[in-house]
Amino acid sequence: MTTRDRLDLLLAAIVVATLLASGIAPYDRPTWLMEVAPVLILLPVLVATRRCYQLTMLLKVLIVAHALVLIAGGAWTYARVPLGFWLQDLLGTLRNPYDKIGHLMQGFVPALAAREILLRGRYVHGRKMTAFLCICVAMAISACYELVEWAAAVMMGQGADEFLGTQGDPWDTQSDMFMALIGSSAAMLSLSSWHDRQLKRLN
C-alpha cells in the first residue's frame, strides 16, 4: 500500500466515523439526512473513481473538511452547532453564524474542484479565465442549493426551518450566496499556485 493509499484510507475513515457518530442521535433526523445527503452521495463516487480519476491531495483534504462541516450541521442543525455559538459570542452577532461557514465552504471547495476538472481536461486556458469560470461554477452550485432549500420550504412548510437555518433573517439567501462568492474567490486567490504544483506532480 502506497503512502497515497494510506492517506486516502485515513481521510475516508475520518468521514465515515464522523458520519456514523453524527447519525446516532442527531437533533432532528430528517434534517440530518438532508444535510448529510451530499456526503452520502459524493463519498461512494469518490471511492469508485479514485483509481481512474485520482484527485490532488489538496482537493481531497478540502472535500473532507467540507464534509465535516456538513456533518456537524446535520448533527446539531446549523442554528445549534456549538462552534457557531462560540463565534456568535466572539463576533457579537445576533445569530449563530455557523451556516455561513458552510456556505463559505460551498464556494471554496467546489471552485477548486472545478479548477481541477477544467485544467486536467484542458477545457480552458489562462489563469484569469480559469478563475472566472471556477467562481461561476461555484456560484451556480450555490444558486442550485438555494433552490433546493426553497423547494424544501414549499413542500415541508414550517418543518423546513431546521434545514433552512435562516434564524429569522430575511436576507439569508442573499448572504449565503455572498459567502459562496467570497469562498470561491478566496480559493482562487490563495490556492491556485499550490494547486498548480500538485496538478503537475499528479500528471
N, C-alpha and C. Protein backbone atom coordinates (compact mmCIF):
# COMPACT_ATOMS: atom_id res chain seq x y z
N MET A 1 0.85 -1.20 0.00
CA MET A 1 0.00 0.00 0.00
C MET A 1 0.88 1.24 0.00
N THR A 2 0.62 2.14 -0.93
CA THR A 2 1.41 3.35 -1.05
C THR A 2 1.01 4.37 0.01
N THR A 3 1.84 5.41 0.14
CA THR A 3 1.53 6.48 1.09
C THR A 3 0.22 7.17 0.72
N ARG A 4 0.02 7.37 -0.57
CA ARG A 4 -1.23 7.99 -1.02
C ARG A 4 -2.44 7.12 -0.66
N ASP A 5 -2.31 5.82 -0.82
CA ASP A 5 -3.40 4.92 -0.46
C ASP A 5 -3.71 5.01 1.04
N ARG A 6 -2.67 5.07 1.86
CA ARG A 6 -2.88 5.17 3.30
C ARG A 6 -3.54 6.48 3.68
N LEU A 7 -3.16 7.56 3.00
CA LEU A 7 -3.78 8.85 3.27
C LEU A 7 -5.25 8.84 2.83
N ASP A 8 -5.52 8.23 1.68
CA ASP A 8 -6.90 8.10 1.21
C ASP A 8 -7.75 7.33 2.22
N LEU A 9 -7.18 6.25 2.73
CA LEU A 9 -7.89 5.43 3.71
C LEU A 9 -8.15 6.21 5.00
N LEU A 10 -7.18 6.98 5.43
CA LEU A 10 -7.33 7.79 6.64
C LEU A 10 -8.42 8.84 6.46
N LEU A 11 -8.42 9.52 5.33
CA LEU A 11 -9.43 10.56 5.08
C LEU A 11 -10.83 9.95 5.01
N ALA A 12 -10.94 8.81 4.34
CA ALA A 12 -12.24 8.15 4.25
C ALA A 12 -12.71 7.69 5.63
N ALA A 13 -11.79 7.18 6.44
CA ALA A 13 -12.14 6.71 7.78
C ALA A 13 -12.64 7.86 8.65
N ILE A 14 -12.00 9.02 8.52
CA ILE A 14 -12.42 10.20 9.29
C ILE A 14 -13.86 10.57 8.94
N VAL A 15 -14.16 10.60 7.65
CA VAL A 15 -15.51 10.98 7.22
C VAL A 15 -16.55 9.95 7.67
N VAL A 16 -16.25 8.67 7.45
CA VAL A 16 -17.21 7.61 7.81
C VAL A 16 -17.45 7.59 9.31
N ALA A 17 -16.38 7.67 10.12
CA ALA A 17 -16.53 7.64 11.57
C ALA A 17 -17.34 8.83 12.07
N THR A 18 -17.06 10.01 11.54
CA THR A 18 -17.80 11.21 11.94
C THR A 18 -19.25 11.12 11.51
N LEU A 19 -19.48 10.60 10.32
CA LEU A 19 -20.83 10.46 9.81
C LEU A 19 -21.65 9.50 10.68
N LEU A 20 -21.05 8.37 11.03
CA LEU A 20 -21.75 7.40 11.87
C LEU A 20 -22.05 7.97 13.25
N ALA A 21 -21.06 8.67 13.83
CA ALA A 21 -21.26 9.26 15.16
C ALA A 21 -22.37 10.30 15.13
N SER A 22 -22.42 11.09 14.05
CA SER A 22 -23.43 12.14 13.96
C SER A 22 -24.83 11.57 13.80
N GLY A 23 -24.92 10.36 13.25
CA GLY A 23 -26.23 9.77 12.99
C GLY A 23 -26.80 8.99 14.16
N ILE A 24 -26.06 8.87 15.25
CA ILE A 24 -26.55 8.11 16.40
C ILE A 24 -27.75 8.78 17.05
N ALA A 25 -27.62 10.07 17.33
CA ALA A 25 -28.73 10.79 17.98
C ALA A 25 -28.72 12.25 17.53
N PRO A 26 -28.97 12.50 16.24
CA PRO A 26 -28.99 13.89 15.77
C PRO A 26 -30.17 14.66 16.36
N TYR A 27 -30.06 15.98 16.34
CA TYR A 27 -31.13 16.81 16.91
C TYR A 27 -32.46 16.57 16.21
N ASP A 28 -32.39 16.44 14.87
CA ASP A 28 -33.60 16.20 14.08
C ASP A 28 -33.23 15.27 12.93
N ARG A 29 -33.76 14.06 12.95
CA ARG A 29 -33.35 13.03 11.99
C ARG A 29 -33.58 13.44 10.53
N PRO A 30 -34.76 13.95 10.13
CA PRO A 30 -34.93 14.36 8.73
C PRO A 30 -33.95 15.45 8.31
N THR A 31 -33.69 16.41 9.21
CA THR A 31 -32.73 17.47 8.90
C THR A 31 -31.33 16.89 8.73
N TRP A 32 -30.97 15.96 9.61
CA TRP A 32 -29.65 15.31 9.49
C TRP A 32 -29.51 14.64 8.14
N LEU A 33 -30.54 13.94 7.72
CA LEU A 33 -30.48 13.22 6.45
C LEU A 33 -30.32 14.18 5.28
N MET A 34 -31.05 15.29 5.31
CA MET A 34 -30.94 16.25 4.22
C MET A 34 -29.58 16.94 4.20
N GLU A 35 -29.04 17.25 5.39
CA GLU A 35 -27.77 17.97 5.45
C GLU A 35 -26.59 17.09 5.04
N VAL A 36 -26.64 15.81 5.40
CA VAL A 36 -25.50 14.93 5.07
C VAL A 36 -25.69 14.24 3.73
N ALA A 37 -26.80 14.48 3.04
CA ALA A 37 -27.05 13.83 1.75
C ALA A 37 -25.91 14.05 0.75
N PRO A 38 -25.32 15.27 0.65
CA PRO A 38 -24.20 15.42 -0.29
C PRO A 38 -23.03 14.50 0.04
N VAL A 39 -22.78 14.27 1.33
CA VAL A 39 -21.69 13.38 1.73
C VAL A 39 -22.03 11.93 1.35
N LEU A 40 -23.27 11.54 1.59
CA LEU A 40 -23.69 10.18 1.27
C LEU A 40 -23.63 9.90 -0.23
N ILE A 41 -23.83 10.94 -1.03
CA ILE A 41 -23.78 10.79 -2.48
C ILE A 41 -22.34 10.82 -3.00
N LEU A 42 -21.56 11.78 -2.50
CA LEU A 42 -20.23 12.01 -3.05
C LEU A 42 -19.20 10.97 -2.61
N LEU A 43 -19.29 10.52 -1.37
CA LEU A 43 -18.27 9.59 -0.86
C LEU A 43 -18.17 8.32 -1.69
N PRO A 44 -19.28 7.63 -2.00
CA PRO A 44 -19.17 6.43 -2.84
C PRO A 44 -18.63 6.73 -4.24
N VAL A 45 -18.98 7.90 -4.78
CA VAL A 45 -18.48 8.28 -6.10
C VAL A 45 -16.96 8.44 -6.07
N LEU A 46 -16.45 9.11 -5.04
CA LEU A 46 -15.00 9.32 -4.93
C LEU A 46 -14.26 7.99 -4.74
N VAL A 47 -14.85 7.10 -3.95
CA VAL A 47 -14.23 5.79 -3.73
C VAL A 47 -14.20 4.99 -5.04
N ALA A 48 -15.29 5.04 -5.78
CA ALA A 48 -15.40 4.26 -7.01
C ALA A 48 -14.48 4.77 -8.11
N THR A 49 -14.17 6.07 -8.10
CA THR A 49 -13.40 6.66 -9.19
C THR A 49 -11.96 6.99 -8.80
N ARG A 50 -11.54 6.61 -7.60
CA ARG A 50 -10.23 7.07 -7.12
C ARG A 50 -9.08 6.46 -7.93
N ARG A 51 -9.28 5.34 -8.57
CA ARG A 51 -8.21 4.75 -9.38
C ARG A 51 -8.15 5.36 -10.78
N CYS A 52 -9.32 5.54 -11.37
CA CYS A 52 -9.35 6.04 -12.75
C CYS A 52 -9.26 7.56 -12.83
N TYR A 53 -9.59 8.25 -11.73
CA TYR A 53 -9.51 9.72 -11.74
C TYR A 53 -9.02 10.18 -10.37
N GLN A 54 -7.73 10.05 -10.16
CA GLN A 54 -7.12 10.41 -8.88
C GLN A 54 -7.12 11.92 -8.70
N LEU A 55 -7.59 12.39 -7.56
CA LEU A 55 -7.62 13.82 -7.25
C LEU A 55 -6.33 14.23 -6.55
N THR A 56 -6.04 15.52 -6.59
CA THR A 56 -4.91 16.02 -5.82
C THR A 56 -5.21 15.89 -4.33
N MET A 57 -4.15 15.74 -3.54
CA MET A 57 -4.34 15.61 -2.10
C MET A 57 -4.94 16.89 -1.51
N LEU A 58 -4.59 18.03 -2.07
CA LEU A 58 -5.15 19.30 -1.60
C LEU A 58 -6.67 19.28 -1.72
N LEU A 59 -7.17 18.87 -2.86
CA LEU A 59 -8.62 18.84 -3.07
C LEU A 59 -9.28 17.81 -2.16
N LYS A 60 -8.64 16.65 -1.99
CA LYS A 60 -9.21 15.62 -1.12
C LYS A 60 -9.37 16.13 0.31
N VAL A 61 -8.34 16.79 0.84
CA VAL A 61 -8.40 17.30 2.21
C VAL A 61 -9.50 18.35 2.34
N LEU A 62 -9.64 19.20 1.35
CA LEU A 62 -10.69 20.22 1.39
C LEU A 62 -12.08 19.59 1.30
N ILE A 63 -12.23 18.56 0.50
CA ILE A 63 -13.52 17.86 0.41
C ILE A 63 -13.88 17.25 1.77
N VAL A 64 -12.90 16.66 2.44
CA VAL A 64 -13.14 16.10 3.77
C VAL A 64 -13.52 17.20 4.76
N ALA A 65 -12.82 18.33 4.71
CA ALA A 65 -13.15 19.45 5.60
C ALA A 65 -14.58 19.92 5.37
N HIS A 66 -14.98 20.02 4.11
CA HIS A 66 -16.34 20.42 3.77
C HIS A 66 -17.34 19.39 4.27
N ALA A 67 -17.02 18.11 4.13
CA ALA A 67 -17.91 17.06 4.61
C ALA A 67 -18.11 17.16 6.12
N LEU A 68 -17.05 17.45 6.85
CA LEU A 68 -17.16 17.57 8.30
C LEU A 68 -18.04 18.76 8.71
N VAL A 69 -17.95 19.84 7.95
CA VAL A 69 -18.83 20.99 8.20
C VAL A 69 -20.29 20.60 8.00
N LEU A 70 -20.56 19.88 6.92
CA LEU A 70 -21.93 19.44 6.64
C LEU A 70 -22.44 18.47 7.70
N ILE A 71 -21.57 17.55 8.12
CA ILE A 71 -21.97 16.56 9.11
C ILE A 71 -22.30 17.21 10.45
N ALA A 72 -21.49 18.18 10.87
CA ALA A 72 -21.76 18.89 12.11
C ALA A 72 -23.08 19.65 12.02
N GLY A 73 -23.33 20.28 10.87
CA GLY A 73 -24.60 20.98 10.67
C GLY A 73 -25.78 20.04 10.71
N GLY A 74 -25.58 18.82 10.24
CA GLY A 74 -26.66 17.83 10.29
C GLY A 74 -26.91 17.30 11.68
N ALA A 75 -25.84 17.11 12.45
CA ALA A 75 -25.98 16.54 13.79
C ALA A 75 -26.70 17.48 14.74
N TRP A 76 -26.32 18.76 14.72
CA TRP A 76 -26.90 19.72 15.67
C TRP A 76 -27.97 20.61 15.04
N THR A 77 -28.05 20.67 13.72
CA THR A 77 -28.69 21.69 12.88
C THR A 77 -27.82 22.94 12.93
N TYR A 78 -27.79 23.67 11.85
CA TYR A 78 -26.86 24.79 11.72
C TYR A 78 -27.06 25.85 12.79
N ALA A 79 -28.28 26.04 13.22
CA ALA A 79 -28.56 27.08 14.21
C ALA A 79 -28.11 26.69 15.61
N ARG A 80 -27.66 25.42 15.81
CA ARG A 80 -27.32 24.96 17.16
C ARG A 80 -25.91 24.39 17.28
N VAL A 81 -25.10 24.50 16.26
CA VAL A 81 -23.74 23.97 16.33
C VAL A 81 -22.95 24.75 17.38
N PRO A 82 -22.34 24.08 18.35
CA PRO A 82 -21.61 24.78 19.42
C PRO A 82 -20.54 25.75 18.92
N LEU A 83 -19.81 25.38 17.87
CA LEU A 83 -18.80 26.29 17.33
C LEU A 83 -19.44 27.61 16.90
N GLY A 84 -20.66 27.52 16.37
CA GLY A 84 -21.36 28.73 15.95
C GLY A 84 -21.70 29.65 17.11
N PHE A 85 -22.07 29.05 18.25
CA PHE A 85 -22.36 29.88 19.43
C PHE A 85 -21.10 30.57 19.93
N TRP A 86 -19.96 29.86 19.86
CA TRP A 86 -18.69 30.47 20.24
C TRP A 86 -18.36 31.65 19.31
N LEU A 87 -18.58 31.46 18.02
CA LEU A 87 -18.35 32.55 17.06
C LEU A 87 -19.32 33.70 17.29
N GLN A 88 -20.55 33.36 17.65
CA GLN A 88 -21.55 34.39 17.93
C GLN A 88 -21.10 35.27 19.09
N ASP A 89 -20.58 34.67 20.14
CA ASP A 89 -20.07 35.45 21.28
C ASP A 89 -18.82 36.24 20.89
N LEU A 90 -17.96 35.62 20.11
CA LEU A 90 -16.71 36.26 19.72
C LEU A 90 -16.96 37.47 18.81
N LEU A 91 -17.86 37.30 17.85
CA LEU A 91 -18.11 38.34 16.85
C LEU A 91 -19.24 39.29 17.25
N GLY A 92 -20.01 38.90 18.26
CA GLY A 92 -21.12 39.75 18.68
C GLY A 92 -22.26 39.79 17.68
N THR A 93 -22.50 38.67 17.00
CA THR A 93 -23.58 38.62 16.02
C THR A 93 -24.90 38.31 16.70
N LEU A 94 -25.99 38.59 16.01
CA LEU A 94 -27.32 38.37 16.57
C LEU A 94 -27.78 36.93 16.41
N ARG A 95 -27.08 36.14 15.62
CA ARG A 95 -27.49 34.77 15.33
C ARG A 95 -26.27 33.87 15.27
N ASN A 96 -26.51 32.58 15.37
CA ASN A 96 -25.45 31.59 15.22
C ASN A 96 -24.98 31.61 13.76
N PRO A 97 -23.71 31.97 13.50
CA PRO A 97 -23.26 32.14 12.11
C PRO A 97 -22.65 30.88 11.49
N TYR A 98 -22.85 29.72 12.12
CA TYR A 98 -22.19 28.52 11.62
C TYR A 98 -22.58 28.21 10.17
N ASP A 99 -23.84 28.47 9.81
CA ASP A 99 -24.26 28.16 8.44
C ASP A 99 -23.47 28.95 7.41
N LYS A 100 -22.96 30.12 7.82
CA LYS A 100 -22.15 30.91 6.88
C LYS A 100 -20.82 30.23 6.59
N ILE A 101 -20.30 29.48 7.59
CA ILE A 101 -19.10 28.69 7.33
C ILE A 101 -19.41 27.65 6.25
N GLY A 102 -20.58 27.02 6.38
CA GLY A 102 -20.99 26.04 5.38
C GLY A 102 -21.06 26.62 3.99
N HIS A 103 -21.61 27.83 3.87
CA HIS A 103 -21.75 28.43 2.55
C HIS A 103 -20.42 28.99 2.04
N LEU A 104 -19.54 29.38 2.96
CA LEU A 104 -18.19 29.75 2.56
C LEU A 104 -17.48 28.55 1.93
N MET A 105 -17.61 27.40 2.59
CA MET A 105 -17.02 26.16 2.05
C MET A 105 -17.71 25.74 0.76
N GLN A 106 -19.00 26.05 0.65
CA GLN A 106 -19.75 25.71 -0.56
C GLN A 106 -19.22 26.45 -1.77
N GLY A 107 -18.56 27.58 -1.55
CA GLY A 107 -17.89 28.28 -2.64
C GLY A 107 -16.45 27.84 -2.79
N PHE A 108 -15.77 27.69 -1.67
CA PHE A 108 -14.33 27.42 -1.65
C PHE A 108 -13.99 26.08 -2.30
N VAL A 109 -14.65 25.02 -1.86
CA VAL A 109 -14.29 23.67 -2.32
C VAL A 109 -14.75 23.38 -3.75
N PRO A 110 -16.01 23.66 -4.11
CA PRO A 110 -16.41 23.41 -5.49
C PRO A 110 -15.61 24.23 -6.52
N ALA A 111 -15.17 25.43 -6.14
CA ALA A 111 -14.37 26.22 -7.07
C ALA A 111 -13.05 25.52 -7.36
N LEU A 112 -12.42 24.95 -6.33
CA LEU A 112 -11.16 24.25 -6.56
C LEU A 112 -11.39 22.95 -7.31
N ALA A 113 -12.51 22.28 -7.03
CA ALA A 113 -12.84 21.05 -7.77
C ALA A 113 -13.06 21.37 -9.25
N ALA A 114 -13.77 22.47 -9.52
CA ALA A 114 -13.98 22.88 -10.91
C ALA A 114 -12.66 23.20 -11.59
N ARG A 115 -11.76 23.83 -10.84
CA ARG A 115 -10.45 24.18 -11.40
C ARG A 115 -9.67 22.91 -11.79
N GLU A 116 -9.75 21.91 -10.93
CA GLU A 116 -9.04 20.66 -11.22
C GLU A 116 -9.59 19.99 -12.47
N ILE A 117 -10.89 19.96 -12.60
CA ILE A 117 -11.52 19.33 -13.76
C ILE A 117 -11.23 20.11 -15.04
N LEU A 118 -11.35 21.42 -14.97
CA LEU A 118 -11.14 22.25 -16.16
C LEU A 118 -9.69 22.19 -16.65
N LEU A 119 -8.74 22.24 -15.73
CA LEU A 119 -7.34 22.24 -16.13
C LEU A 119 -6.87 20.87 -16.59
N ARG A 120 -7.31 19.82 -15.89
CA ARG A 120 -6.88 18.48 -16.29
C ARG A 120 -7.49 18.08 -17.62
N GLY A 121 -8.70 18.53 -17.89
CA GLY A 121 -9.33 18.23 -19.17
C GLY A 121 -8.95 19.19 -20.27
N ARG A 122 -8.15 20.22 -19.91
CA ARG A 122 -7.72 21.25 -20.86
C ARG A 122 -8.90 21.91 -21.56
N TYR A 123 -9.95 22.17 -20.76
CA TYR A 123 -11.14 22.80 -21.30
C TYR A 123 -11.01 24.31 -21.38
N VAL A 124 -10.03 24.86 -20.68
CA VAL A 124 -9.87 26.31 -20.63
C VAL A 124 -8.40 26.64 -20.47
N HIS A 125 -7.99 27.79 -20.98
CA HIS A 125 -6.61 28.23 -20.87
C HIS A 125 -6.59 29.65 -20.31
N GLY A 126 -5.54 29.95 -19.58
CA GLY A 126 -5.39 31.28 -19.00
C GLY A 126 -5.87 31.30 -17.56
N ARG A 127 -5.05 31.85 -16.67
CA ARG A 127 -5.37 31.84 -15.24
C ARG A 127 -6.61 32.67 -14.92
N LYS A 128 -6.75 33.82 -15.57
CA LYS A 128 -7.88 34.68 -15.27
C LYS A 128 -9.20 34.06 -15.71
N MET A 129 -9.22 33.50 -16.91
CA MET A 129 -10.45 32.86 -17.39
C MET A 129 -10.77 31.62 -16.56
N THR A 130 -9.74 30.89 -16.18
CA THR A 130 -9.96 29.71 -15.34
C THR A 130 -10.59 30.12 -14.00
N ALA A 131 -10.02 31.13 -13.37
CA ALA A 131 -10.55 31.59 -12.09
C ALA A 131 -11.99 32.08 -12.23
N PHE A 132 -12.26 32.82 -13.29
CA PHE A 132 -13.62 33.34 -13.52
C PHE A 132 -14.63 32.20 -13.66
N LEU A 133 -14.29 31.21 -14.48
CA LEU A 133 -15.21 30.09 -14.70
C LEU A 133 -15.40 29.26 -13.44
N CYS A 134 -14.34 29.09 -12.67
CA CYS A 134 -14.45 28.32 -11.42
C CYS A 134 -15.37 29.02 -10.42
N ILE A 135 -15.27 30.34 -10.35
CA ILE A 135 -16.17 31.11 -9.48
C ILE A 135 -17.60 31.00 -9.98
N CYS A 136 -17.77 31.03 -11.30
CA CYS A 136 -19.12 30.88 -11.88
C CYS A 136 -19.72 29.52 -11.54
N VAL A 137 -18.91 28.46 -11.61
CA VAL A 137 -19.40 27.13 -11.27
C VAL A 137 -19.83 27.08 -9.81
N ALA A 138 -19.00 27.63 -8.93
CA ALA A 138 -19.33 27.63 -7.51
C ALA A 138 -20.61 28.41 -7.23
N MET A 139 -20.79 29.52 -7.92
CA MET A 139 -22.00 30.32 -7.72
C MET A 139 -23.23 29.61 -8.27
N ALA A 140 -23.06 28.87 -9.36
CA ALA A 140 -24.18 28.09 -9.90
C ALA A 140 -24.60 27.00 -8.92
N ILE A 141 -23.62 26.35 -8.29
CA ILE A 141 -23.92 25.33 -7.28
C ILE A 141 -24.63 25.96 -6.09
N SER A 142 -24.16 27.12 -5.68
CA SER A 142 -24.80 27.83 -4.56
C SER A 142 -26.24 28.19 -4.89
N ALA A 143 -26.47 28.67 -6.10
CA ALA A 143 -27.83 29.03 -6.51
C ALA A 143 -28.73 27.80 -6.54
N CYS A 144 -28.20 26.69 -7.05
CA CYS A 144 -29.00 25.45 -7.09
C CYS A 144 -29.35 24.99 -5.68
N TYR A 145 -28.41 25.13 -4.74
CA TYR A 145 -28.68 24.73 -3.37
C TYR A 145 -29.77 25.60 -2.76
N GLU A 146 -29.76 26.88 -3.07
CA GLU A 146 -30.82 27.76 -2.56
C GLU A 146 -32.17 27.38 -3.15
N LEU A 147 -32.18 26.91 -4.39
CA LEU A 147 -33.43 26.43 -4.99
C LEU A 147 -33.92 25.17 -4.29
N VAL A 148 -32.98 24.31 -3.89
CA VAL A 148 -33.35 23.11 -3.13
C VAL A 148 -33.97 23.52 -1.79
N GLU A 149 -33.37 24.51 -1.14
CA GLU A 149 -33.91 24.99 0.13
C GLU A 149 -35.31 25.58 -0.07
N TRP A 150 -35.50 26.31 -1.15
CA TRP A 150 -36.81 26.89 -1.44
C TRP A 150 -37.84 25.78 -1.66
N ALA A 151 -37.45 24.75 -2.42
CA ALA A 151 -38.36 23.62 -2.65
C ALA A 151 -38.71 22.91 -1.34
N ALA A 152 -37.71 22.77 -0.47
CA ALA A 152 -37.97 22.13 0.83
C ALA A 152 -38.93 22.97 1.66
N ALA A 153 -38.77 24.29 1.60
CA ALA A 153 -39.66 25.16 2.35
C ALA A 153 -41.10 25.06 1.84
N VAL A 154 -41.25 24.96 0.52
CA VAL A 154 -42.58 24.85 -0.06
C VAL A 154 -43.23 23.52 0.31
N MET A 155 -42.47 22.44 0.24
CA MET A 155 -43.03 21.11 0.49
C MET A 155 -43.23 20.81 1.97
N MET A 156 -42.33 21.31 2.81
CA MET A 156 -42.38 20.96 4.22
C MET A 156 -43.00 22.01 5.12
N GLY A 157 -43.19 23.21 4.58
CA GLY A 157 -43.77 24.27 5.39
C GLY A 157 -42.86 24.62 6.55
N GLN A 158 -43.42 24.74 7.75
CA GLN A 158 -42.64 25.11 8.92
C GLN A 158 -41.62 24.02 9.29
N GLY A 159 -41.86 22.82 8.84
CA GLY A 159 -40.94 21.74 9.14
C GLY A 159 -39.58 21.91 8.50
N ALA A 160 -39.45 22.84 7.57
CA ALA A 160 -38.17 23.07 6.90
C ALA A 160 -37.29 24.06 7.64
N ASP A 161 -37.77 24.63 8.72
CA ASP A 161 -37.00 25.66 9.43
C ASP A 161 -35.62 25.17 9.86
N GLU A 162 -35.55 23.93 10.38
CA GLU A 162 -34.27 23.42 10.85
C GLU A 162 -33.30 23.22 9.68
N PHE A 163 -33.83 22.81 8.54
CA PHE A 163 -32.99 22.60 7.36
C PHE A 163 -32.51 23.92 6.79
N LEU A 164 -33.39 24.90 6.74
CA LEU A 164 -33.05 26.20 6.18
C LEU A 164 -32.09 26.97 7.09
N GLY A 165 -32.33 26.93 8.38
CA GLY A 165 -31.45 27.61 9.32
C GLY A 165 -31.41 29.12 9.15
N THR A 166 -32.50 29.72 8.71
CA THR A 166 -32.50 31.16 8.45
C THR A 166 -32.47 31.99 9.73
N GLN A 167 -32.98 31.42 10.83
CA GLN A 167 -33.00 32.09 12.13
C GLN A 167 -33.65 33.48 12.04
N GLY A 168 -34.69 33.56 11.22
CA GLY A 168 -35.43 34.81 11.11
C GLY A 168 -34.79 35.88 10.24
N ASP A 169 -33.73 35.54 9.53
CA ASP A 169 -33.02 36.51 8.68
C ASP A 169 -33.68 36.56 7.30
N PRO A 170 -34.31 37.70 6.94
CA PRO A 170 -34.98 37.77 5.63
C PRO A 170 -34.00 37.79 4.45
N TRP A 171 -32.73 38.09 4.72
CA TRP A 171 -31.72 38.16 3.66
C TRP A 171 -30.78 36.95 3.70
N ASP A 172 -31.24 35.87 4.28
CA ASP A 172 -30.38 34.69 4.44
C ASP A 172 -29.92 34.13 3.10
N THR A 173 -30.81 34.04 2.13
CA THR A 173 -30.45 33.50 0.81
C THR A 173 -29.35 34.33 0.15
N GLN A 174 -29.52 35.65 0.19
CA GLN A 174 -28.54 36.53 -0.44
C GLN A 174 -27.18 36.45 0.27
N SER A 175 -27.21 36.42 1.60
CA SER A 175 -25.94 36.36 2.33
C SER A 175 -25.27 35.01 2.16
N ASP A 176 -26.07 33.95 2.01
CA ASP A 176 -25.50 32.62 1.74
C ASP A 176 -24.72 32.64 0.44
N MET A 177 -25.31 33.20 -0.60
CA MET A 177 -24.65 33.23 -1.90
C MET A 177 -23.44 34.16 -1.89
N PHE A 178 -23.52 35.23 -1.10
CA PHE A 178 -22.37 36.14 -0.98
C PHE A 178 -21.20 35.42 -0.31
N MET A 179 -21.49 34.60 0.70
CA MET A 179 -20.43 33.83 1.34
C MET A 179 -19.81 32.84 0.37
N ALA A 180 -20.62 32.25 -0.50
CA ALA A 180 -20.08 31.34 -1.52
C ALA A 180 -19.18 32.10 -2.49
N LEU A 181 -19.55 33.33 -2.81
CA LEU A 181 -18.72 34.16 -3.69
C LEU A 181 -17.39 34.47 -3.02
N ILE A 182 -17.43 34.81 -1.74
CA ILE A 182 -16.19 35.08 -1.01
C ILE A 182 -15.33 33.83 -0.97
N GLY A 183 -15.95 32.68 -0.67
CA GLY A 183 -15.20 31.44 -0.59
C GLY A 183 -14.54 31.05 -1.90
N SER A 184 -15.29 31.13 -3.00
CA SER A 184 -14.73 30.75 -4.30
C SER A 184 -13.63 31.71 -4.73
N SER A 185 -13.82 32.99 -4.48
CA SER A 185 -12.79 33.98 -4.82
C SER A 185 -11.53 33.77 -3.99
N ALA A 186 -11.72 33.49 -2.70
CA ALA A 186 -10.58 33.25 -1.81
C ALA A 186 -9.80 32.02 -2.24
N ALA A 187 -10.51 30.98 -2.68
CA ALA A 187 -9.83 29.76 -3.13
C ALA A 187 -8.95 30.04 -4.35
N MET A 188 -9.47 30.81 -5.29
CA MET A 188 -8.70 31.13 -6.48
C MET A 188 -7.49 31.99 -6.17
N LEU A 189 -7.65 32.93 -5.25
CA LEU A 189 -6.56 33.85 -4.93
C LEU A 189 -5.48 33.19 -4.08
N SER A 190 -5.89 32.30 -3.19
CA SER A 190 -4.93 31.77 -2.21
C SER A 190 -4.32 30.41 -2.59
N LEU A 191 -5.02 29.61 -3.38
CA LEU A 191 -4.57 28.24 -3.59
C LEU A 191 -4.16 27.89 -5.02
N SER A 192 -4.33 28.80 -5.95
CA SER A 192 -4.08 28.46 -7.36
C SER A 192 -2.65 27.98 -7.61
N SER A 193 -1.67 28.68 -7.05
CA SER A 193 -0.27 28.28 -7.28
C SER A 193 0.03 26.94 -6.65
N TRP A 194 -0.43 26.73 -5.43
CA TRP A 194 -0.25 25.45 -4.74
C TRP A 194 -0.94 24.33 -5.52
N HIS A 195 -2.15 24.63 -5.98
CA HIS A 195 -2.90 23.64 -6.76
C HIS A 195 -2.17 23.29 -8.05
N ASP A 196 -1.60 24.29 -8.71
CA ASP A 196 -0.85 24.04 -9.95
C ASP A 196 0.30 23.07 -9.70
N ARG A 197 1.01 23.24 -8.59
CA ARG A 197 2.13 22.35 -8.29
C ARG A 197 1.65 20.93 -8.05
N GLN A 198 0.54 20.78 -7.35
CA GLN A 198 0.01 19.44 -7.11
C GLN A 198 -0.48 18.79 -8.41
N LEU A 199 -1.11 19.59 -9.28
CA LEU A 199 -1.55 19.05 -10.56
C LEU A 199 -0.38 18.59 -11.41
N LYS A 200 0.72 19.35 -11.34
CA LYS A 200 1.90 18.99 -12.11
C LYS A 200 2.47 17.66 -11.63
N ARG A 201 2.52 17.46 -10.32
CA ARG A 201 3.02 16.20 -9.77
C ARG A 201 2.07 15.05 -10.11
N LEU A 202 0.78 15.32 -10.10
CA LEU A 202 -0.21 14.28 -10.40
C LEU A 202 -0.10 13.81 -11.83
N ASN A 203 0.17 14.76 -12.73
CA ASN A 203 0.28 14.42 -14.16
C ASN A 203 1.61 13.74 -14.48
